[in-house]
Structures are given as C-alpha cells and as structure tokens.
Amino acid sequence: MERPKNAFLIAGAAFSASAALLHLACIVFGGPLYRFVGAGKRMAKMADAGHWYPTVAATAIAFILSLWALYALSGARIIPRLPLLRTVLCVITAVYLVRGVAFQALVPRFPGNSQTFWIVSSAICLGFGVVHFLGLRQAWPYLSQKSNKAFEKSRS
C-alpha cells in the first residue's frame, strides 16, 4: 500500500513553480508587468529600455524557485530523492519565513519597490514558508533516512 503524498510540500512546489512562472512572465511582458507586481519604476524602466539586468535577475530568481519546486516535490515523494533533501528543504523553509517576517531589513536595499509590493510579497512568502514548514514537519521522519533505498521503501 502506497503512503499518501505530502499535500503541503506538493502545494509548496506549486507555489514556488507559480512564482517562477511569474518571474518569467515579467521577462516576456516587460515593464508593464514589472510595474503591476510592484517591482519598482527603475526595474520597469530598465526592462522597457531592453537593459540586461531585469532579464538576468528574473531568470536567476525563476531558476532558484524552480529548483525549490523540485525539492518540494522530492520531499513529497513525487520525484526521486534529491541530494541534501532535508537540508535544502530546511533552508527553503527558512528563507521563505525570514523573507516573510524580516522584509523591513531588505527595504533599504531595494528603494524603488512600492510599500504595497513589500507587504503583499512578504505575506505571500510568509504563507509559502508556513506551507513548507508544515510539509517539512510531516515529511521529517522519512527525510531523516540516510539512503535512497529507505526513501524509496517509504514510498510504497
């Protein structure tokens, strides 16, 4: 009998993948979408002018978020176990939670972003972090197992 999958980590994977797609959409739609999501006038103007920075930044973030989605799927036992699974899931969860609650420390580094951007994106990150935390807590017993064989055995 197959054990049920981890719905929280599956949701976390979907959230990270959706955020990755939003960043890629910013590349496709340019300045107007950067403005809509509150990324700041400077970023939107650079995108409108065809500057390389918004594309590179959005691509890098999308890549990281895609990796996070894969790790969440691995933790949910949807795909094979990835290297350092437990450690990486802990880091992902911590990053989302810290970004959600400590955004005020980031505001001075990104002065062009709107207050609405900071509040909304921080609430979203906090929600993502809570979902990952719940999934991590549920998955902890089999994440602690050392071998892929033990992981695969836990799938059945």
C-alpha atoms as a PDB file:
ATOM      1  CA  MET A   1       0.000   0.000   0.000  1.00  0.00           C
ATOM      2  CA  GLU A   2       1.420   3.372  -1.021  1.00  0.00           C
ATOM      3  CA  ARG A   3       1.612   6.013   1.672  1.00  0.00           C
ATOM      4  CA  PRO A   4      -0.241   9.251   0.991  1.00  0.00           C
ATOM      5  CA  LYS A   5       1.783  12.047  -0.556  1.00  0.00           C
ATOM      6  CA  ASN A   6       2.638  15.178   1.378  1.00  0.00           C
ATOM      7  CA  ALA A   7      -0.021  17.683   0.305  1.00  0.00           C
ATOM      8  CA  PHE A   8       1.784  20.605   1.957  1.00  0.00           C
ATOM      9  CA  LEU A   9       5.005  20.034   0.032  1.00  0.00           C
ATOM     10  CA  ILE A  10       3.044  19.479  -3.183  1.00  0.00           C
ATOM     11  CA  ALA A  11       1.336  22.836  -2.579  1.00  0.00           C
ATOM     12  CA  GLY A  12       4.715  24.391  -1.753  1.00  0.00           C
ATOM     13  CA  ALA A  13       6.084  23.086  -5.051  1.00  0.00           C
ATOM     14  CA  ALA A  14       3.109  24.563  -6.905  1.00  0.00           C
ATOM     15  CA  PHE A  15       3.602  27.913  -5.150  1.00  0.00           C
ATOM     16  CA  SER A  16       7.317  28.047  -5.991  1.00  0.00           C
ATOM     17  CA  ALA A  17       6.667  26.986  -9.589  1.00  0.00           C
ATOM     18  CA  SER A  18       3.953  29.645  -9.933  1.00  0.00           C
ATOM     19  CA  ALA A  19       6.297  32.303  -8.586  1.00  0.00           C
ATOM     20  CA  ALA A  20       8.966  31.139 -11.061  1.00  0.00           C
ATOM     21  CA  LEU A  21       6.481  31.454 -13.917  1.00  0.00           C
ATOM     22  CA  LEU A  22       5.520  34.957 -12.767  1.00  0.00           C
ATOM     23  CA  HIS A  23       9.180  35.989 -12.914  1.00  0.00           C
ATOM     24  CA  LEU A  24       9.486  34.552 -16.414  1.00  0.00           C
ATOM     25  CA  ALA A  25       6.290  36.365 -17.423  1.00  0.00           C
ATOM     26  CA  CYS A  26       7.931  39.613 -16.333  1.00  0.00           C
ATOM     27  CA  ILE A  27      10.645  38.961 -18.902  1.00  0.00           C
ATOM     28  CA  VAL A  28       8.075  38.326 -21.632  1.00  0.00           C
ATOM     29  CA  PHE A  29       5.722  41.216 -20.838  1.00  0.00           C
ATOM     30  CA  GLY A  30       8.401  43.657 -19.684  1.00  0.00           C
ATOM     31  CA  GLY A  31       7.888  46.960 -17.924  1.00  0.00           C
ATOM     32  CA  PRO A  32       4.085  46.838 -17.598  1.00  0.00           C
ATOM     33  CA  LEU A  33       4.197  43.563 -15.657  1.00  0.00           C
ATOM     34  CA  TYR A  34       7.137  44.729 -13.528  1.00  0.00           C
ATOM     35  CA  ARG A  35       5.022  47.783 -12.662  1.00  0.00           C
ATOM     36  CA  PHE A  36       1.936  45.663 -11.959  1.00  0.00           C
ATOM     37  CA  VAL A  37       3.770  43.417  -9.498  1.00  0.00           C
ATOM     38  CA  GLY A  38       5.342  46.468  -7.826  1.00  0.00           C
ATOM     39  CA  ALA A  39       8.948  45.760  -8.718  1.00  0.00           C
ATOM     40  CA  GLY A  40       9.706  49.458  -8.933  1.00  0.00           C
ATOM     41  CA  LYS A  41       9.921  52.156 -11.555  1.00  0.00           C
ATOM     42  CA  ARG A  42      13.643  51.694 -12.056  1.00  0.00           C
ATOM     43  CA  MET A  43      13.293  47.980 -12.858  1.00  0.00           C
ATOM     44  CA  ALA A  44      10.336  48.659 -15.166  1.00  0.00           C
ATOM     45  CA  LYS A  45      12.218  51.432 -16.987  1.00  0.00           C
ATOM     46  CA  MET A  46      15.247  49.183 -17.454  1.00  0.00           C
ATOM     47  CA  ALA A  47      13.003  46.439 -18.843  1.00  0.00           C
ATOM     48  CA  ASP A  48      11.332  48.921 -21.200  1.00  0.00           C
ATOM     49  CA  ALA A  49      14.758  50.072 -22.398  1.00  0.00           C
ATOM     50  CA  GLY A  50      15.886  46.499 -23.074  1.00  0.00           C
ATOM     51  CA  HIS A  51      18.549  46.561 -20.348  1.00  0.00           C
ATOM     52  CA  TRP A  52      20.005  43.168 -19.458  1.00  0.00           C
ATOM     53  CA  TYR A  53      19.615  43.434 -15.669  1.00  0.00           C
ATOM     54  CA  PRO A  54      15.851  42.774 -15.286  1.00  0.00           C
ATOM     55  CA  THR A  55      16.097  39.715 -17.534  1.00  0.00           C
ATOM     56  CA  VAL A  56      19.090  38.280 -15.685  1.00  0.00           C
ATOM     57  CA  ALA A  57      17.574  38.983 -12.250  1.00  0.00           C
ATOM     58  CA  ALA A  58      14.194  37.488 -13.155  1.00  0.00           C
ATOM     59  CA  THR A  59      15.826  34.462 -14.800  1.00  0.00           C
ATOM     60  CA  ALA A  60      18.019  33.806 -11.774  1.00  0.00           C
ATOM     61  CA  ILE A  61      15.068  34.060  -9.398  1.00  0.00           C
ATOM     62  CA  ALA A  62      12.943  31.821 -11.646  1.00  0.00           C
ATOM     63  CA  PHE A  63      15.734  29.244 -11.747  1.00  0.00           C
ATOM     64  CA  ILE A  64      16.072  29.199  -7.950  1.00  0.00           C
ATOM     65  CA  LEU A  65      12.308  28.976  -7.452  1.00  0.00           C
ATOM     66  CA  SER A  66      12.161  26.107  -9.961  1.00  0.00           C
ATOM     67  CA  LEU A  67      14.817  24.226  -8.006  1.00  0.00           C
ATOM     68  CA  TRP A  68      12.828  24.855  -4.840  1.00  0.00           C
ATOM     69  CA  ALA A  69       9.747  23.391  -6.519  1.00  0.00           C
ATOM     70  CA  LEU A  70      11.726  20.271  -7.472  1.00  0.00           C
ATOM     71  CA  TYR A  71      12.999  19.875  -3.920  1.00  0.00           C
ATOM     72  CA  ALA A  72       9.476  20.192  -2.542  1.00  0.00           C
ATOM     73  CA  LEU A  73       8.297  17.526  -4.993  1.00  0.00           C
ATOM     74  CA  SER A  74      11.168  15.309  -3.915  1.00  0.00           C
ATOM     75  CA  GLY A  75      10.255  15.820  -0.277  1.00  0.00           C
ATOM     76  CA  ALA A  76       6.661  14.957  -1.140  1.00  0.00           C
ATOM     77  CA  ARG A  77       7.911  11.705  -2.711  1.00  0.00           C
ATOM     78  CA  ILE A  78       6.616  12.647  -6.164  1.00  0.00           C
ATOM     79  CA  ILE A  79      10.053  12.548  -7.800  1.00  0.00           C
ATOM     80  CA  PRO A  80      13.196  10.671  -6.699  1.00  0.00           C
ATOM     81  CA  ARG A  81      15.119  11.875  -3.690  1.00  0.00           C
ATOM     82  CA  LEU A  82      17.416  14.790  -4.473  1.00  0.00           C
ATOM     83  CA  PRO A  83      20.802  15.381  -2.812  1.00  0.00           C
ATOM     84  CA  LEU A  84      20.778  17.024   0.617  1.00  0.00           C
ATOM     85  CA  LEU A  85      16.992  16.929   0.601  1.00  0.00           C
ATOM     86  CA  ARG A  86      16.400  17.554   4.291  1.00  0.00           C
ATOM     87  CA  THR A  87      18.971  20.351   4.499  1.00  0.00           C
ATOM     88  CA  VAL A  88      17.750  22.096   1.353  1.00  0.00           C
ATOM     89  CA  LEU A  89      14.103  21.902   2.431  1.00  0.00           C
ATOM     90  CA  CYS A  90      15.060  23.411   5.790  1.00  0.00           C
ATOM     91  CA  VAL A  91      16.891  26.258   4.026  1.00  0.00           C
ATOM     92  CA  ILE A  92      13.983  26.883   1.624  1.00  0.00           C
ATOM     93  CA  THR A  93      11.534  26.982   4.513  1.00  0.00           C
ATOM     94  CA  ALA A  94      13.782  29.335   6.490  1.00  0.00           C
ATOM     95  CA  VAL A  95      14.284  31.680   3.530  1.00  0.00           C
ATOM     96  CA  TYR A  96      10.547  31.950   2.903  1.00  0.00           C
ATOM     97  CA  LEU A  97       9.787  32.521   6.600  1.00  0.00           C
ATOM     98  CA  VAL A  98      12.570  35.068   7.130  1.00  0.00           C
ATOM     99  CA  ARG A  99      11.650  36.904   3.921  1.00  0.00           C
ATOM    100  CA  GLY A 100       8.060  36.979   5.152  1.00  0.00           C
ATOM    101  CA  VAL A 101       8.751  38.444   8.575  1.00  0.00           C
ATOM    102  CA  ALA A 102      12.000  40.406   8.200  1.00  0.00           C
ATOM    103  CA  PHE A 103      11.301  42.284   4.975  1.00  0.00           C
ATOM    104  CA  GLN A 104      11.956  45.649   6.636  1.00  0.00           C
ATOM    105  CA  ALA A 105      15.665  44.825   6.591  1.00  0.00           C
ATOM    106  CA  LEU A 106      15.504  44.483   2.785  1.00  0.00           C
ATOM    107  CA  VAL A 107      13.557  47.666   2.049  1.00  0.00           C
ATOM    108  CA  PRO A 108      16.631  49.982   2.108  1.00  0.00           C
ATOM    109  CA  ARG A 109      18.441  47.735  -0.377  1.00  0.00           C
ATOM    110  CA  PHE A 110      15.591  47.994  -2.912  1.00  0.00           C
ATOM    111  CA  PRO A 111      14.303  51.570  -2.581  1.00  0.00           C
ATOM    112  CA  GLY A 112      12.315  51.530  -5.825  1.00  0.00           C
ATOM    113  CA  ASN A 113       9.846  48.865  -4.715  1.00  0.00           C
ATOM    114  CA  SER A 114       6.466  50.054  -3.530  1.00  0.00           C
ATOM    115  CA  GLN A 115       5.176  49.601   0.004  1.00  0.00           C
ATOM    116  CA  THR A 116       2.370  47.503  -1.477  1.00  0.00           C
ATOM    117  CA  PHE A 117       4.971  45.237  -3.088  1.00  0.00           C
ATOM    118  CA  TRP A 118       6.711  44.693   0.235  1.00  0.00           C
ATOM    119  CA  ILE A 119       3.525  43.969   2.167  1.00  0.00           C
ATOM    120  CA  VAL A 120       1.959  41.676  -0.436  1.00  0.00           C
ATOM    121  CA  SER A 121       5.131  39.787  -1.358  1.00  0.00           C
ATOM    122  CA  SER A 122       6.072  39.367   2.293  1.00  0.00           C
ATOM    123  CA  ALA A 123       2.639  37.986   3.145  1.00  0.00           C
ATOM    124  CA  ILE A 124       2.931  35.585   0.216  1.00  0.00           C
ATOM    125  CA  CYS A 125       6.419  34.479   1.298  1.00  0.00           C
ATOM    126  CA  LEU A 126       5.214  34.002   4.863  1.00  0.00           C
ATOM    127  CA  GLY A 127       2.347  31.846   3.596  1.00  0.00           C
ATOM    128  CA  PHE A 128       4.725  29.823   1.412  1.00  0.00           C
ATOM    129  CA  GLY A 129       7.020  29.399   4.408  1.00  0.00           C
ATOM    130  CA  VAL A 130       4.228  28.150   6.653  1.00  0.00           C
ATOM    131  CA  VAL A 131       3.120  25.643   3.995  1.00  0.00           C
ATOM    132  CA  HIS A 132       6.701  24.422   3.585  1.00  0.00           C
ATOM    133  CA  PHE A 133       7.117  24.201   7.356  1.00  0.00           C
ATOM    134  CA  LEU A 134       4.002  22.063   7.700  1.00  0.00           C
ATOM    135  CA  GLY A 135       5.167  19.835   4.854  1.00  0.00           C
ATOM    136  CA  LEU A 136       8.654  19.588   6.301  1.00  0.00           C
ATOM    137  CA  ARG A 137       7.258  18.631   9.696  1.00  0.00           C
ATOM    138  CA  GLN A 138       5.098  15.942   8.099  1.00  0.00           C
ATOM    139  CA  ALA A 139       7.972  14.624   5.980  1.00  0.00           C
ATOM    140  CA  TRP A 140      10.624  14.732   8.711  1.00  0.00           C
ATOM    141  CA  PRO A 141      10.578  11.004   9.601  1.00  0.00           C
ATOM    142  CA  TYR A 142      11.464   9.859   6.086  1.00  0.00           C
ATOM    143  CA  LEU A 143      13.686  12.870   5.366  1.00  0.00           C
ATOM    144  CA  SER A 144      15.893  11.716   8.215  1.00  0.00           C
ATOM    145  CA  GLN A 145      16.536   8.402   6.496  1.00  0.00           C
ATOM    146  CA  LYS A 146      20.029   8.179   5.051  1.00  0.00           C
ATOM    147  CA  SER A 147      19.676   6.120   1.932  1.00  0.00           C
ATOM    148  CA  ASN A 148      17.677   6.334  -1.238  1.00  0.00           C
ATOM    149  CA  LYS A 149      16.613   2.724  -0.642  1.00  0.00           C
ATOM    150  CA  ALA A 150      14.994   3.716   2.641  1.00  0.00           C
ATOM    151  CA  PHE A 151      13.403   6.699   0.896  1.00  0.00           C
ATOM    152  CA  GLU A 152      12.083   4.539  -1.936  1.00  0.00           C
ATOM    153  CA  LYS A 153      10.834   1.953   0.535  1.00  0.00           C
ATOM    154  CA  SER A 154       8.893   4.707   2.332  1.00  0.00           C
ATOM    155  CA  ARG A 155       7.142   5.473  -0.980  1.00  0.00           C
ATOM    156  CA  SER A 156       5.460   2.077  -1.029  1.00  0.00           C
END
